[in-house]
Amino acid sequence: AKTPIRIALTALRQTCTQLRASRPEVLATAMGQIRTAKDLAIAQNDHALHSGCAAFEAYISVATPMGQLEDNVVNTALGALEQLAALPLGYADARDSVAIALGKAIQKKLAA
């Protein structure tokens, strides 16, 4: 069963494909989709997913206008968000470690 968050992340993944194809005008669409995912995470009291979405939002908002969006970073981040959406909330430690690792990886990329 496709949950609302999984549907939102699937749409975001499709949008990011266009972003990577040097279509920065798609950034507004991606940012809206991330906002939707963050709102869904808040509604589900899912702090790890919200944190992961916020980190990815920071990355694409900085990297896209600079033409520095990297496929491996986008794919890894989307994979982490999809993993967070799939893991039950009861797996708090695993979910937190995924969100923290994603945040650290993106901070490193943005600082580079």
PDB file of N, CA and C in Angstrom:
ATOM      1  N   ALA A   1       0.843  -1.195   0.000  1.00  0.00           N
ATOM      2  CA  ALA A   1       0.000   0.000   0.000  1.00  0.00           C
ATOM      3  C   ALA A   1       0.881   1.249   0.000  1.00  0.00           C
ATOM      4  N   LYS A   2       0.605   2.128  -0.913  1.00  0.00           N
ATOM      5  CA  LYS A   2       1.358   3.379  -1.010  1.00  0.00           C
ATOM      6  C   LYS A   2       0.801   4.370   0.003  1.00  0.00           C
ATOM      7  N   THR A   3       1.615   4.747   0.973  1.00  0.00           N
ATOM      8  CA  THR A   3       1.204   5.734   1.966  1.00  0.00           C
ATOM      9  C   THR A   3       1.403   7.132   1.382  1.00  0.00           C
ATOM     10  N   PRO A   4       0.754   8.150   1.952  1.00  0.00           N
ATOM     11  CA  PRO A   4       0.938   9.517   1.440  1.00  0.00           C
ATOM     12  C   PRO A   4       2.407   9.945   1.406  1.00  0.00           C
ATOM     13  N   ILE A   5       3.181   9.561   2.410  1.00  0.00           N
ATOM     14  CA  ILE A   5       4.593   9.967   2.437  1.00  0.00           C
ATOM     15  C   ILE A   5       5.374   9.267   1.317  1.00  0.00           C
ATOM     16  N   ARG A   6       5.078   8.010   1.066  1.00  0.00           N
ATOM     17  CA  ARG A   6       5.773   7.308  -0.028  1.00  0.00           C
ATOM     18  C   ARG A   6       5.405   7.904  -1.381  1.00  0.00           C
ATOM     19  N   ILE A   7       4.146   8.285  -1.543  1.00  0.00           N
ATOM     20  CA  ILE A   7       3.716   8.929  -2.788  1.00  0.00           C
ATOM     21  C   ILE A   7       4.461  10.259  -2.956  1.00  0.00           C
ATOM     22  N   ALA A   8       4.567  11.025  -1.869  1.00  0.00           N
ATOM     23  CA  ALA A   8       5.274  12.314  -1.921  1.00  0.00           C
ATOM     24  C   ALA A   8       6.750  12.118  -2.280  1.00  0.00           C
ATOM     25  N   LEU A   9       7.385  11.098  -1.702  1.00  0.00           N
ATOM     26  CA  LEU A   9       8.803  10.863  -1.973  1.00  0.00           C
ATOM     27  C   LEU A   9       9.028  10.348  -3.395  1.00  0.00           C
ATOM     28  N   THR A  10       8.087   9.576  -3.916  1.00  0.00           N
ATOM     29  CA  THR A  10       8.188   9.109  -5.303  1.00  0.00           C
ATOM     30  C   THR A  10       8.109  10.301  -6.257  1.00  0.00           C
ATOM     31  N   ALA A  11       7.187  11.219  -5.981  1.00  0.00           N
ATOM     32  CA  ALA A  11       7.065  12.431  -6.807  1.00  0.00           C
ATOM     33  C   ALA A  11       8.335  13.267  -6.714  1.00  0.00           C
ATOM     34  N   LEU A  12       8.899  13.370  -5.509  1.00  0.00           N
ATOM     35  CA  LEU A  12      10.133  14.136  -5.312  1.00  0.00           C
ATOM     36  C   LEU A  12      11.284  13.511  -6.101  1.00  0.00           C
ATOM     37  N   ARG A  13      11.375  12.186  -6.082  1.00  0.00           N
ATOM     38  CA  ARG A  13      12.436  11.508  -6.836  1.00  0.00           C
ATOM     39  C   ARG A  13      12.309  11.825  -8.329  1.00  0.00           C
ATOM     40  N   GLN A  14      11.096  11.811  -8.857  1.00  0.00           N
ATOM     41  CA  GLN A  14      10.882  12.128 -10.274  1.00  0.00           C
ATOM     42  C   GLN A  14      11.265  13.574 -10.571  1.00  0.00           C
ATOM     43  N   THR A  15      10.918  14.483  -9.680  1.00  0.00           N
ATOM     44  CA  THR A  15      11.263  15.894  -9.859  1.00  0.00           C
ATOM     45  C   THR A  15      12.775  16.080  -9.838  1.00  0.00           C
ATOM     46  N   CYS A  16      13.453  15.373  -8.948  1.00  0.00           N
ATOM     47  CA  CYS A  16      14.910  15.515  -8.832  1.00  0.00           C
ATOM     48  C   CYS A  16      15.619  15.029 -10.096  1.00  0.00           C
ATOM     49  N   THR A  17      15.011  14.091 -10.810  1.00  0.00           N
ATOM     50  CA  THR A  17      15.574  13.657 -12.089  1.00  0.00           C
ATOM     51  C   THR A  17      15.622  14.843 -13.052  1.00  0.00           C
ATOM     52  N   GLN A  18      14.589  15.650 -13.035  1.00  0.00           N
ATOM     53  CA  GLN A  18      14.556  16.846 -13.882  1.00  0.00           C
ATOM     54  C   GLN A  18      15.519  17.911 -13.371  1.00  0.00           C
ATOM     55  N   LEU A  19      15.649  18.018 -12.071  1.00  0.00           N
ATOM     56  CA  LEU A  19      16.594  18.972 -11.484  1.00  0.00           C
ATOM     57  C   LEU A  19      18.007  18.667 -11.955  1.00  0.00           C
ATOM     58  N   ARG A  20      18.358  17.374 -11.916  1.00  0.00           N
ATOM     59  CA  ARG A  20      19.715  16.963 -12.296  1.00  0.00           C
ATOM     60  C   ARG A  20      19.955  17.175 -13.780  1.00  0.00           C
ATOM     61  N   ALA A  21      18.878  17.230 -14.560  1.00  0.00           N
ATOM     62  CA  ALA A  21      19.030  17.441 -16.000  1.00  0.00           C
ATOM     63  C   ALA A  21      19.166  18.942 -16.290  1.00  0.00           C
ATOM     64  N   SER A  22      19.742  19.664 -15.332  1.00  0.00           N
ATOM     65  CA  SER A  22      19.997  21.097 -15.477  1.00  0.00           C
ATOM     66  C   SER A  22      18.722  21.883 -15.770  1.00  0.00           C
ATOM     67  N   ARG A  23      17.702  21.614 -15.018  1.00  0.00           N
ATOM     68  CA  ARG A  23      16.468  22.371 -15.151  1.00  0.00           C
ATOM     69  C   ARG A  23      16.166  23.036 -13.811  1.00  0.00           C
ATOM     70  N   PRO A  24      16.910  24.084 -13.484  1.00  0.00           N
ATOM     71  CA  PRO A  24      16.759  24.708 -12.166  1.00  0.00           C
ATOM     72  C   PRO A  24      15.362  25.284 -11.915  1.00  0.00           C
ATOM     73  N   GLU A  25      14.586  25.545 -12.975  1.00  0.00           N
ATOM     74  CA  GLU A  25      13.226  26.055 -12.755  1.00  0.00           C
ATOM     75  C   GLU A  25      12.351  25.014 -12.056  1.00  0.00           C
ATOM     76  N   VAL A  26      12.809  23.787 -12.033  1.00  0.00           N
ATOM     77  CA  VAL A  26      12.073  22.706 -11.367  1.00  0.00           C
ATOM     78  C   VAL A  26      12.297  22.771  -9.849  1.00  0.00           C
ATOM     79  N   LEU A  27      13.239  23.609  -9.414  1.00  0.00           N
ATOM     80  CA  LEU A  27      13.564  23.708  -7.987  1.00  0.00           C
ATOM     81  C   LEU A  27      12.328  24.061  -7.152  1.00  0.00           C
ATOM     82  N   ALA A  28      11.503  24.985  -7.631  1.00  0.00           N
ATOM     83  CA  ALA A  28      10.310  25.383  -6.869  1.00  0.00           C
ATOM     84  C   ALA A  28       9.378  24.193  -6.657  1.00  0.00           C
ATOM     85  N   THR A  29       9.241  23.352  -7.670  1.00  0.00           N
ATOM     86  CA  THR A  29       8.409  22.152  -7.547  1.00  0.00           C
ATOM     87  C   THR A  29       8.991  21.217  -6.494  1.00  0.00           C
ATOM     88  N   ALA A  30      10.302  20.988  -6.564  1.00  0.00           N
ATOM     89  CA  ALA A  30      10.964  20.101  -5.593  1.00  0.00           C
ATOM     90  C   ALA A  30      10.800  20.637  -4.170  1.00  0.00           C
ATOM     91  N   MET A  31      10.975  21.948  -4.006  1.00  0.00           N
ATOM     92  CA  MET A  31      10.851  22.537  -2.669  1.00  0.00           C
ATOM     93  C   MET A  31       9.426  22.369  -2.134  1.00  0.00           C
ATOM     94  N   GLY A  32       8.444  22.514  -3.008  1.00  0.00           N
ATOM     95  CA  GLY A  32       7.054  22.295  -2.596  1.00  0.00           C
ATOM     96  C   GLY A  32       6.809  20.858  -2.184  1.00  0.00           C
ATOM     97  N   GLN A  33       7.408  19.924  -2.928  1.00  0.00           N
ATOM     98  CA  GLN A  33       7.246  18.505  -2.592  1.00  0.00           C
ATOM     99  C   GLN A  33       7.937  18.174  -1.274  1.00  0.00           C
ATOM    100  N   ILE A  34       9.062  18.797  -1.017  1.00  0.00           N
ATOM    101  CA  ILE A  34       9.735  18.575   0.267  1.00  0.00           C
ATOM    102  C   ILE A  34       8.883  19.144   1.398  1.00  0.00           C
ATOM    103  N   ARG A  35       8.300  20.325   1.175  1.00  0.00           N
ATOM    104  CA  ARG A  35       7.413  20.897   2.198  1.00  0.00           C
ATOM    105  C   ARG A  35       6.254  19.949   2.499  1.00  0.00           C
ATOM    106  N   THR A  36       5.675  19.348   1.458  1.00  0.00           N
ATOM    107  CA  THR A  36       4.592  18.377   1.642  1.00  0.00           C
ATOM    108  C   THR A  36       5.072  17.197   2.480  1.00  0.00           C
ATOM    109  N   ALA A  37       6.246  16.675   2.139  1.00  0.00           N
ATOM    110  CA  ALA A  37       6.801  15.539   2.891  1.00  0.00           C
ATOM    111  C   ALA A  37       7.055  15.930   4.348  1.00  0.00           C
ATOM    112  N   LYS A  38       7.586  17.141   4.566  1.00  0.00           N
ATOM    113  CA  LYS A  38       7.829  17.606   5.940  1.00  0.00           C
ATOM    114  C   LYS A  38       6.520  17.742   6.711  1.00  0.00           C
ATOM    115  N   ASP A  39       5.478  18.273   6.046  1.00  0.00           N
ATOM    116  CA  ASP A  39       4.171  18.403   6.696  1.00  0.00           C
ATOM    117  C   ASP A  39       3.611  17.033   7.075  1.00  0.00           C
ATOM    118  N   LEU A  40       3.756  16.053   6.168  1.00  0.00           N
ATOM    119  CA  LEU A  40       3.295  14.698   6.464  1.00  0.00           C
ATOM    120  C   LEU A  40       4.082  14.103   7.631  1.00  0.00           C
ATOM    121  N   ALA A  41       5.376  14.353   7.660  1.00  0.00           N
ATOM    122  CA  ALA A  41       6.208  13.847   8.759  1.00  0.00           C
ATOM    123  C   ALA A  41       5.771  14.457  10.088  1.00  0.00           C
ATOM    124  N   ILE A  42       5.489  15.760  10.086  1.00  0.00           N
ATOM    125  CA  ILE A  42       5.034  16.419  11.315  1.00  0.00           C
ATOM    126  C   ILE A  42       3.695  15.823  11.766  1.00  0.00           C
ATOM    127  N   ALA A  43       2.794  15.618  10.802  1.00  0.00           N
ATOM    128  CA  ALA A  43       1.474  15.061  11.125  1.00  0.00           C
ATOM    129  C   ALA A  43       1.593  13.668  11.747  1.00  0.00           C
ATOM    130  N   GLN A  44       2.638  12.936  11.344  1.00  0.00           N
ATOM    131  CA  GLN A  44       2.855  11.583  11.873  1.00  0.00           C
ATOM    132  C   GLN A  44       3.784  11.589  13.092  1.00  0.00           C
ATOM    133  N   ASN A  45       4.168  12.784  13.526  1.00  0.00           N
ATOM    134  CA  ASN A  45       5.092  12.924  14.652  1.00  0.00           C
ATOM    135  C   ASN A  45       6.397  12.182  14.372  1.00  0.00           C
ATOM    136  N   ASP A  46       6.853  12.273  13.125  1.00  0.00           N
ATOM    137  CA  ASP A  46       8.042  11.556  12.667  1.00  0.00           C
ATOM    138  C   ASP A  46       9.218  12.537  12.570  1.00  0.00           C
ATOM    139  N   HIS A  47       9.921  12.669  13.682  1.00  0.00           N
ATOM    140  CA  HIS A  47      11.005  13.656  13.756  1.00  0.00           C
ATOM    141  C   HIS A  47      12.180  13.285  12.863  1.00  0.00           C
ATOM    142  N   ALA A  48      12.485  12.003  12.763  1.00  0.00           N
ATOM    143  CA  ALA A  48      13.625  11.567  11.948  1.00  0.00           C
ATOM    144  C   ALA A  48      13.385  11.895  10.474  1.00  0.00           C
ATOM    145  N   LEU A  49      12.194  11.613   9.977  1.00  0.00           N
ATOM    146  CA  LEU A  49      11.879  11.896   8.579  1.00  0.00           C
ATOM    147  C   LEU A  49      11.855  13.401   8.324  1.00  0.00           C
ATOM    148  N   HIS A  50      11.305  14.156   9.264  1.00  0.00           N
ATOM    149  CA  HIS A  50      11.280  15.616   9.114  1.00  0.00           C
ATOM    150  C   HIS A  50      12.706  16.158   9.044  1.00  0.00           C
ATOM    151  N   SER A  51      13.566  15.658   9.918  1.00  0.00           N
ATOM    152  CA  SER A  51      14.963  16.081   9.938  1.00  0.00           C
ATOM    153  C   SER A  51      15.667  15.745   8.627  1.00  0.00           C
ATOM    154  N   GLY A  52      15.430  14.536   8.122  1.00  0.00           N
ATOM    155  CA  GLY A  52      16.022  14.125   6.855  1.00  0.00           C
ATOM    156  C   GLY A  52      15.554  14.993   5.697  1.00  0.00           C
ATOM    157  N   CYS A  53      14.264  15.295   5.684  1.00  0.00           N
ATOM    158  CA  CYS A  53      13.715  16.155   4.626  1.00  0.00           C
ATOM    159  C   CYS A  53      14.324  17.558   4.697  1.00  0.00           C
ATOM    160  N   ALA A  54      14.479  18.071   5.901  1.00  0.00           N
ATOM    161  CA  ALA A  54      15.055  19.407   6.073  1.00  0.00           C
ATOM    162  C   ALA A  54      16.505  19.446   5.577  1.00  0.00           C
ATOM    163  N   ALA A  55      17.256  18.385   5.844  1.00  0.00           N
ATOM    164  CA  ALA A  55      18.645  18.326   5.376  1.00  0.00           C
ATOM    165  C   ALA A  55      18.690  18.295   3.850  1.00  0.00           C
ATOM    166  N   PHE A  56      17.833  17.487   3.237  1.00  0.00           N
ATOM    167  CA  PHE A  56      17.801  17.405   1.783  1.00  0.00           C
ATOM    168  C   PHE A  56      17.353  18.732   1.177  1.00  0.00           C
ATOM    169  N   GLU A  57      16.400  19.374   1.817  1.00  0.00           N
ATOM    170  CA  GLU A  57      15.924  20.684   1.366  1.00  0.00           C
ATOM    171  C   GLU A  57      17.082  21.688   1.349  1.00  0.00           C
ATOM    172  N   ALA A  58      17.887  21.677   2.405  1.00  0.00           N
ATOM    173  CA  ALA A  58      19.039  22.581   2.474  1.00  0.00           C
ATOM    174  C   ALA A  58      20.011  22.301   1.331  1.00  0.00           C
ATOM    175  N   TYR A  59      20.257  21.017   1.072  1.00  0.00           N
ATOM    176  CA  TYR A  59      21.203  20.651   0.012  1.00  0.00           C
ATOM    177  C   TYR A  59      20.732  21.129  -1.356  1.00  0.00           C
ATOM    178  N   ILE A  60      19.498  20.780  -1.723  1.00  0.00           N
ATOM    179  CA  ILE A  60      19.086  21.145  -3.092  1.00  0.00           C
ATOM    180  C   ILE A  60      18.887  22.651  -3.244  1.00  0.00           C
ATOM    181  N   SER A  61      18.526  23.337  -2.166  1.00  0.00           N
ATOM    182  CA  SER A  61      18.321  24.784  -2.278  1.00  0.00           C
ATOM    183  C   SER A  61      19.636  25.518  -2.480  1.00  0.00           C
ATOM    184  N   VAL A  62      20.730  24.953  -1.992  1.00  0.00           N
ATOM    185  CA  VAL A  62      22.057  25.568  -2.167  1.00  0.00           C
ATOM    186  C   VAL A  62      22.740  25.043  -3.433  1.00  0.00           C
ATOM    187  N   ALA A  63      22.717  23.731  -3.629  1.00  0.00           N
ATOM    188  CA  ALA A  63      23.482  23.120  -4.726  1.00  0.00           C
ATOM    189  C   ALA A  63      22.875  23.383  -6.106  1.00  0.00           C
ATOM    190  N   THR A  64      21.550  23.431  -6.207  1.00  0.00           N
ATOM    191  CA  THR A  64      20.914  23.596  -7.516  1.00  0.00           C
ATOM    192  C   THR A  64      21.271  24.928  -8.176  1.00  0.00           C
ATOM    193  N   PRO A  65      21.075  26.068  -7.491  1.00  0.00           N
ATOM    194  CA  PRO A  65      21.399  27.346  -8.141  1.00  0.00           C
ATOM    195  C   PRO A  65      22.881  27.477  -8.511  1.00  0.00           C
ATOM    196  N   MET A  66      23.739  26.766  -7.776  1.00  0.00           N
ATOM    197  CA  MET A  66      25.178  26.834  -8.042  1.00  0.00           C
ATOM    198  C   MET A  66      25.608  25.823  -9.103  1.00  0.00           C
ATOM    199  N   GLY A  67      24.663  25.019  -9.595  1.00  0.00           N
ATOM    200  CA  GLY A  67      24.992  23.999 -10.583  1.00  0.00           C
ATOM    201  C   GLY A  67      25.855  22.888 -10.014  1.00  0.00           C
ATOM    202  N   GLN A  68      25.742  22.646  -8.713  1.00  0.00           N
ATOM    203  CA  GLN A  68      26.591  21.656  -8.037  1.00  0.00           C
ATOM    204  C   GLN A  68      25.817  20.462  -7.492  1.00  0.00           C
ATOM    205  N   LEU A  69      24.634  20.218  -8.055  1.00  0.00           N
ATOM    206  CA  LEU A  69      23.843  19.072  -7.627  1.00  0.00           C
ATOM    207  C   LEU A  69      24.545  17.801  -8.080  1.00  0.00           C
ATOM    208  N   GLU A  70      24.832  16.900  -7.148  1.00  0.00           N
ATOM    209  CA  GLU A  70      25.547  15.667  -7.476  1.00  0.00           C
ATOM    210  C   GLU A  70      24.587  14.482  -7.407  1.00  0.00           C
ATOM    211  N   ASP A  71      24.593  13.677  -8.474  1.00  0.00           N
ATOM    212  CA  ASP A  71      23.698  12.522  -8.553  1.00  0.00           C
ATOM    213  C   ASP A  71      23.822  11.606  -7.346  1.00  0.00           C
ATOM    214  N   ASN A  72      25.059  11.304  -6.949  1.00  0.00           N
ATOM    215  CA  ASN A  72      25.234  10.358  -5.844  1.00  0.00           C
ATOM    216  C   ASN A  72      24.662  10.908  -4.536  1.00  0.00           C
ATOM    217  N   VAL A  73      24.770  12.212  -4.326  1.00  0.00           N
ATOM    218  CA  VAL A  73      24.226  12.809  -3.100  1.00  0.00           C
ATOM    219  C   VAL A  73      22.697  12.772  -3.149  1.00  0.00           C
ATOM    220  N   VAL A  74      22.125  13.139  -4.295  1.00  0.00           N
ATOM    221  CA  VAL A  74      20.673  13.133  -4.455  1.00  0.00           C
ATOM    222  C   VAL A  74      20.125  11.717  -4.272  1.00  0.00           C
ATOM    223  N   ASN A  75      20.750  10.740  -4.939  1.00  0.00           N
ATOM    224  CA  ASN A  75      20.267   9.354  -4.844  1.00  0.00           C
ATOM    225  C   ASN A  75      20.397   8.811  -3.428  1.00  0.00           C
ATOM    226  N   THR A  76      21.508   9.106  -2.765  1.00  0.00           N
ATOM    227  CA  THR A  76      21.714   8.639  -1.392  1.00  0.00           C
ATOM    228  C   THR A  76      20.692   9.272  -0.451  1.00  0.00           C
ATOM    229  N   ALA A  77      20.479  10.572  -0.605  1.00  0.00           N
ATOM    230  CA  ALA A  77      19.531  11.269   0.264  1.00  0.00           C
ATOM    231  C   ALA A  77      18.111  10.752   0.050  1.00  0.00           C
ATOM    232  N   LEU A  78      17.713  10.606  -1.210  1.00  0.00           N
ATOM    233  CA  LEU A  78      16.366  10.090  -1.485  1.00  0.00           C
ATOM    234  C   LEU A  78      16.212   8.670  -0.964  1.00  0.00           C
ATOM    235  N   GLY A  79      17.257   7.861  -1.107  1.00  0.00           N
ATOM    236  CA  GLY A  79      17.221   6.504  -0.574  1.00  0.00           C
ATOM    237  C   GLY A  79      17.046   6.499   0.938  1.00  0.00           C
ATOM    238  N   ALA A  80      17.739   7.410   1.608  1.00  0.00           N
ATOM    239  CA  ALA A  80      17.618   7.511   3.073  1.00  0.00           C
ATOM    240  C   ALA A  80      16.207   7.941   3.469  1.00  0.00           C
ATOM    241  N   LEU A  81      15.652   8.910   2.746  1.00  0.00           N
ATOM    242  CA  LEU A  81      14.286   9.365   3.051  1.00  0.00           C
ATOM    243  C   LEU A  81      13.278   8.243   2.815  1.00  0.00           C
ATOM    244  N   GLU A  82      13.474   7.491   1.734  1.00  0.00           N
ATOM    245  CA  GLU A  82      12.582   6.363   1.452  1.00  0.00           C
ATOM    246  C   GLU A  82      12.716   5.283   2.526  1.00  0.00           C
ATOM    247  N   GLN A  83      13.934   5.095   3.009  1.00  0.00           N
ATOM    248  CA  GLN A  83      14.166   4.120   4.085  1.00  0.00           C
ATOM    249  C   GLN A  83      13.449   4.567   5.361  1.00  0.00           C
ATOM    250  N   LEU A  84      13.550   5.857   5.667  1.00  0.00           N
ATOM    251  CA  LEU A  84      12.872   6.385   6.850  1.00  0.00           C
ATOM    252  C   LEU A  84      11.354   6.234   6.725  1.00  0.00           C
ATOM    253  N   ALA A  85      10.837   6.449   5.523  1.00  0.00           N
ATOM    254  CA  ALA A  85       9.393   6.314   5.316  1.00  0.00           C
ATOM    255  C   ALA A  85       8.937   4.864   5.479  1.00  0.00           C
ATOM    256  N   ALA A  86       9.823   3.922   5.159  1.00  0.00           N
ATOM    257  CA  ALA A  86       9.475   2.502   5.220  1.00  0.00           C
ATOM    258  C   ALA A  86       9.644   1.910   6.617  1.00  0.00           C
ATOM    259  N   LEU A  87      10.625   2.411   7.370  1.00  0.00           N
ATOM    260  CA  LEU A  87      10.892   1.857   8.705  1.00  0.00           C
ATOM    261  C   LEU A  87       9.810   2.281   9.694  1.00  0.00           C
ATOM    262  N   PRO A  88       9.231   1.344  10.422  1.00  0.00           N
ATOM    263  CA  PRO A  88       8.218   1.703  11.419  1.00  0.00           C
ATOM    264  C   PRO A  88       8.785   2.639  12.482  1.00  0.00           C
ATOM    265  N   LEU A  89       7.917   3.495  13.034  1.00  0.00           N
ATOM    266  CA  LEU A  89       8.343   4.454  14.055  1.00  0.00           C
ATOM    267  C   LEU A  89       8.949   3.753  15.275  1.00  0.00           C
ATOM    268  N   GLY A  90       8.578   2.494  15.506  1.00  0.00           N
ATOM    269  CA  GLY A  90       9.112   1.747  16.641  1.00  0.00           C
ATOM    270  C   GLY A  90      10.614   1.498  16.574  1.00  0.00           C
ATOM    271  N   TYR A  91      11.185   1.609  15.377  1.00  0.00           N
ATOM    272  CA  TYR A  91      12.625   1.423  15.204  1.00  0.00           C
ATOM    273  C   TYR A  91      13.338   2.763  15.366  1.00  0.00           C
ATOM    274  N   ALA A  92      13.104   3.401  16.502  1.00  0.00           N
ATOM    275  CA  ALA A  92      13.573   4.768  16.721  1.00  0.00           C
ATOM    276  C   ALA A  92      15.093   4.912  16.573  1.00  0.00           C
ATOM    277  N   ASP A  93      15.855   3.986  17.152  1.00  0.00           N
ATOM    278  CA  ASP A  93      17.313   4.107  17.096  1.00  0.00           C
ATOM    279  C   ASP A  93      17.829   4.037  15.670  1.00  0.00           C
ATOM    280  N   ALA A  94      17.327   3.069  14.905  1.00  0.00           N
ATOM    281  CA  ALA A  94      17.752   2.916  13.512  1.00  0.00           C
ATOM    282  C   ALA A  94      17.342   4.134  12.695  1.00  0.00           C
ATOM    283  N   ARG A  95      16.134   4.612  12.926  1.00  0.00           N
ATOM    284  CA  ARG A  95      15.631   5.759  12.175  1.00  0.00           C
ATOM    285  C   ARG A  95      16.455   7.000  12.500  1.00  0.00           C
ATOM    286  N   ASP A  96      16.747   7.198  13.791  1.00  0.00           N
ATOM    287  CA  ASP A  96      17.545   8.364  14.191  1.00  0.00           C
ATOM    288  C   ASP A  96      18.937   8.306  13.577  1.00  0.00           C
ATOM    289  N   SER A  97      19.553   7.119  13.545  1.00  0.00           N
ATOM    290  CA  SER A  97      20.906   7.018  12.988  1.00  0.00           C
ATOM    291  C   SER A  97      20.912   7.314  11.490  1.00  0.00           C
ATOM    292  N   VAL A  98      19.852   6.912  10.771  1.00  0.00           N
ATOM    293  CA  VAL A  98      19.748   7.232   9.340  1.00  0.00           C
ATOM    294  C   VAL A  98      19.633   8.749   9.165  1.00  0.00           C
ATOM    295  N   ALA A  99      18.764   9.375   9.938  1.00  0.00           N
ATOM    296  CA  ALA A  99      18.549  10.821   9.821  1.00  0.00           C
ATOM    297  C   ALA A  99      19.816  11.599  10.185  1.00  0.00           C
ATOM    298  N   ILE A 100      20.501  11.171  11.237  1.00  0.00           N
ATOM    299  CA  ILE A 100      21.727  11.854  11.665  1.00  0.00           C
ATOM    300  C   ILE A 100      22.824  11.700  10.616  1.00  0.00           C
ATOM    301  N   ALA A 101      22.980  10.500  10.088  1.00  0.00           N
ATOM    302  CA  ALA A 101      23.999  10.269   9.057  1.00  0.00           C
ATOM    303  C   ALA A 101      23.713  11.102   7.812  1.00  0.00           C
ATOM    304  N   LEU A 102      22.450  11.184   7.416  1.00  0.00           N
ATOM    305  CA  LEU A 102      22.082  11.993   6.254  1.00  0.00           C
ATOM    306  C   LEU A 102      22.402  13.460   6.511  1.00  0.00           C
ATOM    307  N   GLY A 103      22.032  13.949   7.683  1.00  0.00           N
ATOM    308  CA  GLY A 103      22.307  15.343   8.033  1.00  0.00           C
ATOM    309  C   GLY A 103      23.790  15.655   8.002  1.00  0.00           C
ATOM    310  N   LYS A 104      24.607  14.760   8.566  1.00  0.00           N
ATOM    311  CA  LYS A 104      26.063  14.968   8.585  1.00  0.00           C
ATOM    312  C   LYS A 104      26.642  14.946   7.175  1.00  0.00           C
ATOM    313  N   ALA A 105      26.193  14.013   6.344  1.00  0.00           N
ATOM    314  CA  ALA A 105      26.697  13.907   4.976  1.00  0.00           C
ATOM    315  C   ALA A 105      26.376  15.175   4.191  1.00  0.00           C
ATOM    316  N   ILE A 106      25.181  15.689   4.376  1.00  0.00           N
ATOM    317  CA  ILE A 106      24.786  16.891   3.646  1.00  0.00           C
ATOM    318  C   ILE A 106      25.533  18.108   4.176  1.00  0.00           C
ATOM    319  N   GLN A 107      25.732  18.194   5.482  1.00  0.00           N
ATOM    320  CA  GLN A 107      26.527  19.294   6.039  1.00  0.00           C
ATOM    321  C   GLN A 107      27.922  19.303   5.446  1.00  0.00           C
ATOM    322  N   LYS A 108      28.536  18.122   5.324  1.00  0.00           N
ATOM    323  CA  LYS A 108      29.866  18.014   4.718  1.00  0.00           C
ATOM    324  C   LYS A 108      29.866  18.526   3.287  1.00  0.00           C
ATOM    325  N   LYS A 109      28.849  18.113   2.514  1.00  0.00           N
ATOM    326  CA  LYS A 109      28.759  18.530   1.104  1.00  0.00           C
ATOM    327  C   LYS A 109      28.588  20.035   1.006  1.00  0.00           C
ATOM    328  N   LEU A 110      27.757  20.603   1.852  1.00  0.00           N
ATOM    329  CA  LEU A 110      27.506  22.042   1.792  1.00  0.00           C
ATOM    330  C   LEU A 110      28.715  22.849   2.243  1.00  0.00           C
ATOM    331  N   ALA A 111      29.534  22.250   3.105  1.00  0.00           N
ATOM    332  CA  ALA A 111      30.727  22.949   3.596  1.00  0.00           C
ATOM    333  C   ALA A 111      31.886  22.857   2.610  1.00  0.00           C
ATOM    334  N   ALA A 112      31.813  21.896   1.686  1.00  0.00           N
ATOM    335  CA  ALA A 112      32.919  21.655   0.749  1.00  0.00           C
ATOM    336  C   ALA A 112      33.085  22.808  -0.239  1.00  0.00           C
TER     337      ALA A 112
END
